[in-house]
Amino acid sequence: MTIICGKCEKEMKEIELKEYEFEEGIILNNVIAMQCPSGHVTFTEEHVDILEHCGFIQRI
């Protein structure tokens, strides 16, 4: 499945982020995300499910 960045319309690729500031002061380490060549980052529903299952985030 191809995911296109909503900000720059370039194709996104799955990467591992060594550090990602999810919210101010909440740093996630070694998380899988999607990133376009411009550097925009997003998470698929599958990525969010994994983060939630591991206890990194909680859906409201």
N, C-alpha and C. Protein backbone atom coordinates (compact mmCIF):
# COMPACT_ATOMS: atom_id res chain seq x y z
N MET A 1 0.85 -1.18 0.00
CA MET A 1 0.00 0.00 0.00
C MET A 1 0.89 1.24 0.00
N THR A 2 0.60 2.17 -0.86
CA THR A 2 1.34 3.42 -0.94
C THR A 2 0.64 4.48 -0.10
N ILE A 3 1.42 5.18 0.72
CA ILE A 3 0.88 6.27 1.53
C ILE A 3 1.51 7.56 1.03
N ILE A 4 0.66 8.54 0.73
CA ILE A 4 1.10 9.83 0.23
C ILE A 4 0.98 10.87 1.34
N CYS A 5 2.00 11.70 1.49
CA CYS A 5 2.01 12.75 2.51
C CYS A 5 0.92 13.78 2.19
N GLY A 6 0.12 14.08 3.18
CA GLY A 6 -0.95 15.06 3.01
C GLY A 6 -0.44 16.50 2.93
N LYS A 7 0.81 16.73 3.35
CA LYS A 7 1.36 18.10 3.33
C LYS A 7 2.09 18.41 2.04
N CYS A 8 2.86 17.44 1.53
CA CYS A 8 3.67 17.73 0.34
C CYS A 8 3.36 16.81 -0.84
N GLU A 9 2.47 15.83 -0.64
CA GLU A 9 2.03 14.91 -1.68
C GLU A 9 3.14 14.02 -2.24
N LYS A 10 4.17 13.74 -1.43
CA LYS A 10 5.24 12.82 -1.82
C LYS A 10 5.00 11.48 -1.13
N GLU A 11 5.52 10.42 -1.74
CA GLU A 11 5.34 9.08 -1.18
C GLU A 11 6.10 8.93 0.14
N MET A 12 5.44 8.30 1.11
CA MET A 12 6.05 8.09 2.42
C MET A 12 6.61 6.67 2.49
N LYS A 13 7.66 6.51 3.26
CA LYS A 13 8.29 5.20 3.47
C LYS A 13 8.32 4.91 4.95
N GLU A 14 8.25 3.62 5.29
CA GLU A 14 8.30 3.21 6.69
C GLU A 14 9.75 3.29 7.18
N ILE A 15 9.93 3.92 8.34
CA ILE A 15 11.25 4.08 8.94
C ILE A 15 11.18 3.80 10.43
N GLU A 16 12.34 3.66 11.05
CA GLU A 16 12.41 3.57 12.51
C GLU A 16 12.98 4.88 13.03
N LEU A 17 12.25 5.52 13.90
CA LEU A 17 12.70 6.76 14.52
C LEU A 17 13.39 6.43 15.83
N LYS A 18 14.64 6.83 15.97
CA LYS A 18 15.36 6.57 17.21
C LYS A 18 14.71 7.31 18.37
N GLU A 19 14.26 8.54 18.10
CA GLU A 19 13.53 9.34 19.10
C GLU A 19 12.43 10.11 18.41
N TYR A 20 11.27 10.20 19.05
CA TYR A 20 10.16 10.98 18.53
C TYR A 20 9.44 11.62 19.70
N GLU A 21 9.32 12.95 19.66
CA GLU A 21 8.61 13.64 20.73
C GLU A 21 7.12 13.61 20.42
N PHE A 22 6.43 12.65 21.04
CA PHE A 22 5.01 12.44 20.80
C PHE A 22 4.20 13.63 21.27
N GLU A 23 4.46 14.09 22.45
CA GLU A 23 3.90 15.32 23.02
C GLU A 23 5.03 15.99 23.77
N GLU A 24 4.85 17.24 24.10
CA GLU A 24 5.89 17.96 24.82
C GLU A 24 6.28 17.18 26.07
N GLY A 25 7.55 16.79 26.12
CA GLY A 25 8.08 16.07 27.27
C GLY A 25 7.88 14.57 27.23
N ILE A 26 7.17 14.05 26.22
CA ILE A 26 6.96 12.60 26.09
C ILE A 26 7.74 12.12 24.88
N ILE A 27 8.89 11.50 25.14
CA ILE A 27 9.76 11.02 24.08
C ILE A 27 9.57 9.53 23.91
N LEU A 28 9.32 9.10 22.67
CA LEU A 28 9.23 7.69 22.33
C LEU A 28 10.54 7.29 21.66
N ASN A 29 11.06 6.13 22.00
CA ASN A 29 12.31 5.64 21.42
C ASN A 29 12.05 4.44 20.52
N ASN A 30 12.77 4.41 19.40
CA ASN A 30 12.73 3.28 18.47
C ASN A 30 11.32 2.91 18.05
N VAL A 31 10.61 3.87 17.47
CA VAL A 31 9.24 3.62 17.00
C VAL A 31 9.22 3.60 15.48
N ILE A 32 8.31 2.80 14.94
CA ILE A 32 8.13 2.70 13.49
C ILE A 32 7.09 3.74 13.07
N ALA A 33 7.39 4.46 12.00
CA ALA A 33 6.49 5.51 11.51
C ALA A 33 6.66 5.62 10.00
N MET A 34 5.87 6.49 9.40
CA MET A 34 5.99 6.79 7.98
C MET A 34 6.60 8.19 7.84
N GLN A 35 7.54 8.35 6.89
CA GLN A 35 8.16 9.65 6.68
C GLN A 35 8.33 9.89 5.19
N CYS A 36 8.05 11.12 4.76
CA CYS A 36 8.24 11.49 3.36
C CYS A 36 9.64 12.09 3.20
N PRO A 37 10.09 12.28 1.97
CA PRO A 37 11.41 12.86 1.74
C PRO A 37 11.56 14.28 2.33
N SER A 38 10.44 14.97 2.53
CA SER A 38 10.48 16.32 3.11
C SER A 38 10.63 16.29 4.63
N GLY A 39 10.48 15.09 5.22
CA GLY A 39 10.66 14.95 6.66
C GLY A 39 9.39 14.92 7.49
N HIS A 40 8.23 15.04 6.84
CA HIS A 40 6.97 14.95 7.58
C HIS A 40 6.78 13.52 8.09
N VAL A 41 6.26 13.39 9.29
CA VAL A 41 6.08 12.08 9.92
C VAL A 41 4.61 11.84 10.23
N THR A 42 4.17 10.61 10.01
CA THR A 42 2.82 10.20 10.40
C THR A 42 2.85 8.75 10.82
N PHE A 43 1.79 8.32 11.47
CA PHE A 43 1.66 6.94 11.90
C PHE A 43 0.42 6.34 11.26
N THR A 44 0.54 5.10 10.80
CA THR A 44 -0.64 4.41 10.28
C THR A 44 -1.46 3.90 11.46
N GLU A 45 -2.65 3.44 11.18
CA GLU A 45 -3.50 2.86 12.23
C GLU A 45 -2.80 1.67 12.87
N GLU A 46 -2.10 0.89 12.07
CA GLU A 46 -1.35 -0.26 12.59
C GLU A 46 -0.25 0.20 13.56
N HIS A 47 0.46 1.26 13.21
CA HIS A 47 1.51 1.79 14.10
C HIS A 47 0.90 2.24 15.43
N VAL A 48 -0.24 2.91 15.36
CA VAL A 48 -0.91 3.40 16.57
C VAL A 48 -1.37 2.23 17.43
N ASP A 49 -1.88 1.18 16.79
CA ASP A 49 -2.30 -0.01 17.54
C ASP A 49 -1.12 -0.61 18.30
N ILE A 50 0.03 -0.68 17.67
CA ILE A 50 1.23 -1.23 18.31
C ILE A 50 1.66 -0.35 19.48
N LEU A 51 1.69 0.96 19.27
CA LEU A 51 2.08 1.88 20.34
C LEU A 51 1.11 1.78 21.52
N GLU A 52 -0.16 1.65 21.21
CA GLU A 52 -1.17 1.53 22.26
C GLU A 52 -1.01 0.21 23.02
N HIS A 53 -0.80 -0.87 22.29
CA HIS A 53 -0.65 -2.19 22.89
C HIS A 53 0.57 -2.24 23.82
N CYS A 54 1.64 -1.56 23.44
CA CYS A 54 2.87 -1.54 24.24
C CYS A 54 2.78 -0.55 25.41
N GLY A 55 1.71 0.22 25.46
CA GLY A 55 1.51 1.15 26.57
C GLY A 55 2.17 2.51 26.38
N PHE A 56 2.66 2.79 25.15
CA PHE A 56 3.30 4.07 24.91
C PHE A 56 2.29 5.21 24.81
N ILE A 57 1.10 4.90 24.28
CA ILE A 57 0.07 5.92 24.14
C ILE A 57 -1.27 5.35 24.60
N GLN A 58 -2.20 6.22 24.83
CA GLN A 58 -3.56 5.81 25.21
C GLN A 58 -4.55 6.64 24.41
N ARG A 59 -5.46 5.96 23.74
CA ARG A 59 -6.48 6.68 22.96
C ARG A 59 -7.51 7.26 23.90
N ILE A 60 -8.02 8.41 23.52
CA ILE A 60 -9.05 9.08 24.33
C ILE A 60 -10.41 8.81 23.74
